[in-house]
Amino acid sequence: MDYIDSLAEGQDDCFLCRYRDEPQNDGKNLVLWRGGRTFALLNRFPYTGGHSMVAPFRHVGGLSDLEPETMREMMELLRDLQDVLAQAVRAQGFNIGMNVGRCAGAGLPGHLHVHIVPRWPGDTNFMTVFGGARVISQALDDLYVQLQQAGRELKLPKLTQ
């Protein structure tokens, strides 16, 4: 909620559009892979290690705004990203979902995106409850390299690098 509350209402700067337009900065922006219509990236404010997102290139806020081809590519990229996360971070489960609209918790309501959160037995702990902090055991830059390598090893057809 601190992150969501910190966002300016009606903010013009869409970081997903900025990342879309800066392929030369994919490493810095933690963009893992690009498809023809969508891209995958690590979440800079992760819930757990490996928390990632898939977004369309087009700046749209709702599912009904997506073309069928884009919807299909998003699902295929989510499938491939789940496979990479299962191999790279040995996730034993996943939460996959989206928040549509600010009142639903969308921190960026104008640009639809899907979250994929790797899970393990007992991965929640007291730190968030008592300290208001999350414990992420791996640096984002290190995880970025690890996921890129796992994608290459799995030879996933939809992942472009």
Foldseek 3Di string as FASTA:
>chain_A
DVLLVPDDVPDPDDVLLVCLVCVVCCLVQQWQFDFPFKTKGADPDAPEPLKIKMFGNDQAQDPVPDDPVNVVLSVLVVVLSVVLCCPQVVFPDKDKAWQADVVSPDSRRRTTMMIIHGHDVPLDDCCCVPPVDHDYPDDSSVVSVSSNVSSVVVVRPRGDD
